[in-house]
Amino acid sequence: MFDIGFSELVLVAIVALLVLGPERLPKVARVAGMWLGRARRTLSAVKQEIDRELKAGELAEIVRQQAASKPLETILEESLKTPPSHTPASGDQPATPGQGSSRQT
């Protein structure tokens, strides 16, 4: 984000120490850290909200495109007109009493 190196941070710390003094510098650092944390949390919340809105907009667009291409009523009517064709596989047929392994007890 900002191109601040270690030497710049040391320079800012020395200037702050000279301007504020050793008594007030820790309190100012705590307050600055608190405000920086609040700003980061607020920025994170705004980013998450924007992402949610973008995803909701994309989802609405997809639903609109699908509704325009083939309405739900048409799909339901087609499924009611054609009965499902189910051909049982060899394992799906029920066994008759005389078939299969016979176990005598």
C-alpha atoms as a PDB file:
ATOM      1  CA  MET A   1       0.000   0.000   0.000  1.00  0.00           C
ATOM      2  CA  PHE A   2       2.487   2.606   1.172  1.00  0.00           C
ATOM      3  CA  ASP A   3       6.129   2.110   0.404  1.00  0.00           C
ATOM      4  CA  ILE A   4       7.430   2.714   3.928  1.00  0.00           C
ATOM      5  CA  GLY A   5      10.629   0.976   4.919  1.00  0.00           C
ATOM      6  CA  PHE A   6      12.245   0.402   8.282  1.00  0.00           C
ATOM      7  CA  SER A   7      14.395   3.520   8.071  1.00  0.00           C
ATOM      8  CA  GLU A   8      11.322   5.736   7.525  1.00  0.00           C
ATOM      9  CA  LEU A   9       9.591   4.155  10.534  1.00  0.00           C
ATOM     10  CA  VAL A  10      12.634   4.811  12.719  1.00  0.00           C
ATOM     11  CA  LEU A  11      12.722   8.442  11.558  1.00  0.00           C
ATOM     12  CA  VAL A  12       9.014   8.914  12.369  1.00  0.00           C
ATOM     13  CA  ALA A  13       9.526   7.325  15.819  1.00  0.00           C
ATOM     14  CA  ILE A  14      12.461   9.648  16.605  1.00  0.00           C
ATOM     15  CA  VAL A  15      10.517  12.748  15.512  1.00  0.00           C
ATOM     16  CA  ALA A  16       7.469  11.630  17.553  1.00  0.00           C
ATOM     17  CA  LEU A  17       9.696  11.081  20.602  1.00  0.00           C
ATOM     18  CA  LEU A  18      11.196  14.557  20.250  1.00  0.00           C
ATOM     19  CA  VAL A  19       7.846  16.291  19.657  1.00  0.00           C
ATOM     20  CA  LEU A  20       5.664  14.436  22.172  1.00  0.00           C
ATOM     21  CA  GLY A  21       8.209  13.493  24.769  1.00  0.00           C
ATOM     22  CA  PRO A  22       8.727  10.150  26.488  1.00  0.00           C
ATOM     23  CA  GLU A  23       5.746  10.668  28.864  1.00  0.00           C
ATOM     24  CA  ARG A  24       3.019  11.128  26.246  1.00  0.00           C
ATOM     25  CA  LEU A  25       4.394   8.905  23.442  1.00  0.00           C
ATOM     26  CA  PRO A  26       3.064   5.538  24.804  1.00  0.00           C
ATOM     27  CA  LYS A  27      -0.444   6.951  25.259  1.00  0.00           C
ATOM     28  CA  VAL A  28      -0.449   8.461  21.768  1.00  0.00           C
ATOM     29  CA  ALA A  29       0.814   5.163  20.321  1.00  0.00           C
ATOM     30  CA  ARG A  30      -2.030   3.253  22.036  1.00  0.00           C
ATOM     31  CA  VAL A  31      -4.650   5.685  20.773  1.00  0.00           C
ATOM     32  CA  ALA A  32      -3.198   5.603  17.252  1.00  0.00           C
ATOM     33  CA  GLY A  33      -3.208   1.788  17.327  1.00  0.00           C
ATOM     34  CA  MET A  34      -6.817   1.761  18.515  1.00  0.00           C
ATOM     35  CA  TRP A  35      -7.927   4.046  15.686  1.00  0.00           C
ATOM     36  CA  LEU A  36      -5.939   2.068  13.144  1.00  0.00           C
ATOM     37  CA  GLY A  37      -7.616  -1.154  14.329  1.00  0.00           C
ATOM     38  CA  ARG A  38     -11.063   0.426  14.066  1.00  0.00           C
ATOM     39  CA  ALA A  39     -10.298   1.668  10.562  1.00  0.00           C
ATOM     40  CA  ARG A  40      -9.129  -1.791   9.487  1.00  0.00           C
ATOM     41  CA  ARG A  41     -12.233  -3.485  10.927  1.00  0.00           C
ATOM     42  CA  THR A  42     -14.501  -0.954   9.220  1.00  0.00           C
ATOM     43  CA  LEU A  43     -12.707  -1.403   5.918  1.00  0.00           C
ATOM     44  CA  SER A  44     -12.978  -5.182   6.241  1.00  0.00           C
ATOM     45  CA  ALA A  45     -16.716  -4.955   6.959  1.00  0.00           C
ATOM     46  CA  VAL A  46     -17.240  -2.701   3.934  1.00  0.00           C
ATOM     47  CA  LYS A  47     -15.283  -5.110   1.702  1.00  0.00           C
ATOM     48  CA  GLN A  48     -17.368  -8.060   2.906  1.00  0.00           C
ATOM     49  CA  GLU A  49     -20.601  -6.163   2.279  1.00  0.00           C
ATOM     50  CA  ILE A  50     -19.499  -5.211  -1.239  1.00  0.00           C
ATOM     51  CA  ASP A  51     -18.550  -8.828  -1.962  1.00  0.00           C
ATOM     52  CA  ARG A  52     -21.973 -10.015  -0.739  1.00  0.00           C
ATOM     53  CA  GLU A  53     -23.740  -7.462  -2.912  1.00  0.00           C
ATOM     54  CA  LEU A  54     -21.692  -8.454  -5.973  1.00  0.00           C
ATOM     55  CA  LYS A  55     -22.432 -12.143  -5.434  1.00  0.00           C
ATOM     56  CA  ALA A  56     -26.138 -11.418  -4.953  1.00  0.00           C
ATOM     57  CA  GLY A  57     -26.159  -9.378  -8.165  1.00  0.00           C
ATOM     58  CA  GLU A  58     -24.408 -12.159 -10.078  1.00  0.00           C
ATOM     59  CA  LEU A  59     -26.860 -14.723  -8.712  1.00  0.00           C
ATOM     60  CA  ALA A  60     -29.826 -12.552  -9.694  1.00  0.00           C
ATOM     61  CA  GLU A  61     -28.390 -12.199 -13.204  1.00  0.00           C
ATOM     62  CA  ILE A  62     -27.955 -15.976 -13.528  1.00  0.00           C
ATOM     63  CA  VAL A  63     -31.523 -16.585 -12.346  1.00  0.00           C
ATOM     64  CA  ARG A  64     -32.811 -13.964 -14.795  1.00  0.00           C
ATOM     65  CA  GLN A  65     -30.912 -15.563 -17.686  1.00  0.00           C
ATOM     66  CA  GLN A  66     -32.183 -19.022 -16.825  1.00  0.00           C
ATOM     67  CA  ALA A  67     -35.745 -17.775 -16.480  1.00  0.00           C
ATOM     68  CA  ALA A  68     -35.505 -16.100 -19.878  1.00  0.00           C
ATOM     69  CA  SER A  69     -34.099 -19.192 -21.568  1.00  0.00           C
ATOM     70  CA  LYS A  70     -36.557 -21.780 -20.227  1.00  0.00           C
ATOM     71  CA  PRO A  71     -39.270 -20.868 -17.726  1.00  0.00           C
ATOM     72  CA  LEU A  72     -39.963 -23.185 -14.817  1.00  0.00           C
ATOM     73  CA  GLU A  73     -43.540 -23.802 -15.981  1.00  0.00           C
ATOM     74  CA  THR A  74     -42.256 -25.142 -19.310  1.00  0.00           C
ATOM     75  CA  ILE A  75     -39.875 -27.506 -17.566  1.00  0.00           C
ATOM     76  CA  LEU A  76     -42.637 -28.772 -15.286  1.00  0.00           C
ATOM     77  CA  GLU A  77     -45.059 -29.263 -18.198  1.00  0.00           C
ATOM     78  CA  GLU A  78     -42.454 -31.240 -20.130  1.00  0.00           C
ATOM     79  CA  SER A  79     -41.737 -33.479 -17.172  1.00  0.00           C
ATOM     80  CA  LEU A  80     -45.463 -34.185 -16.679  1.00  0.00           C
ATOM     81  CA  LYS A  81     -46.012 -35.034 -20.380  1.00  0.00           C
ATOM     82  CA  THR A  82     -43.269 -37.633 -20.551  1.00  0.00           C
ATOM     83  CA  PRO A  83     -43.464 -40.324 -17.869  1.00  0.00           C
ATOM     84  CA  PRO A  84     -40.125 -41.428 -16.492  1.00  0.00           C
ATOM     85  CA  SER A  85     -38.836 -44.514 -18.228  1.00  0.00           C
ATOM     86  CA  HIS A  86     -37.273 -46.915 -15.803  1.00  0.00           C
ATOM     87  CA  THR A  87     -35.978 -50.214 -17.025  1.00  0.00           C
ATOM     88  CA  PRO A  88     -35.024 -52.390 -14.089  1.00  0.00           C
ATOM     89  CA  ALA A  89     -31.553 -53.807 -14.156  1.00  0.00           C
ATOM     90  CA  SER A  90     -30.982 -57.489 -13.568  1.00  0.00           C
ATOM     91  CA  GLY A  91     -30.356 -56.910  -9.873  1.00  0.00           C
ATOM     92  CA  ASP A  92     -33.552 -54.871  -9.438  1.00  0.00           C
ATOM     93  CA  GLN A  93     -35.975 -57.723 -10.194  1.00  0.00           C
ATOM     94  CA  PRO A  94     -37.472 -59.377  -7.161  1.00  0.00           C
ATOM     95  CA  ALA A  95     -36.445 -62.949  -6.610  1.00  0.00           C
ATOM     96  CA  THR A  96     -39.113 -65.610  -6.889  1.00  0.00           C
ATOM     97  CA  PRO A  97     -39.361 -68.211  -4.150  1.00  0.00           C
ATOM     98  CA  GLY A  98     -37.760 -70.956  -6.232  1.00  0.00           C
ATOM     99  CA  GLN A  99     -34.708 -68.992  -7.389  1.00  0.00           C
ATOM    100  CA  GLY A 100     -31.440 -68.148  -5.773  1.00  0.00           C
ATOM    101  CA  SER A 101     -29.468 -70.113  -3.287  1.00  0.00           C
ATOM    102  CA  SER A 102     -31.419 -72.589  -1.302  1.00  0.00           C
ATOM    103  CA  ARG A 103     -30.354 -73.142   2.202  1.00  0.00           C
ATOM    104  CA  GLN A 104     -31.789 -76.042   4.015  1.00  0.00           C
ATOM    105  CA  THR A 105     -31.895 -76.059   7.738  1.00  0.00           C
END
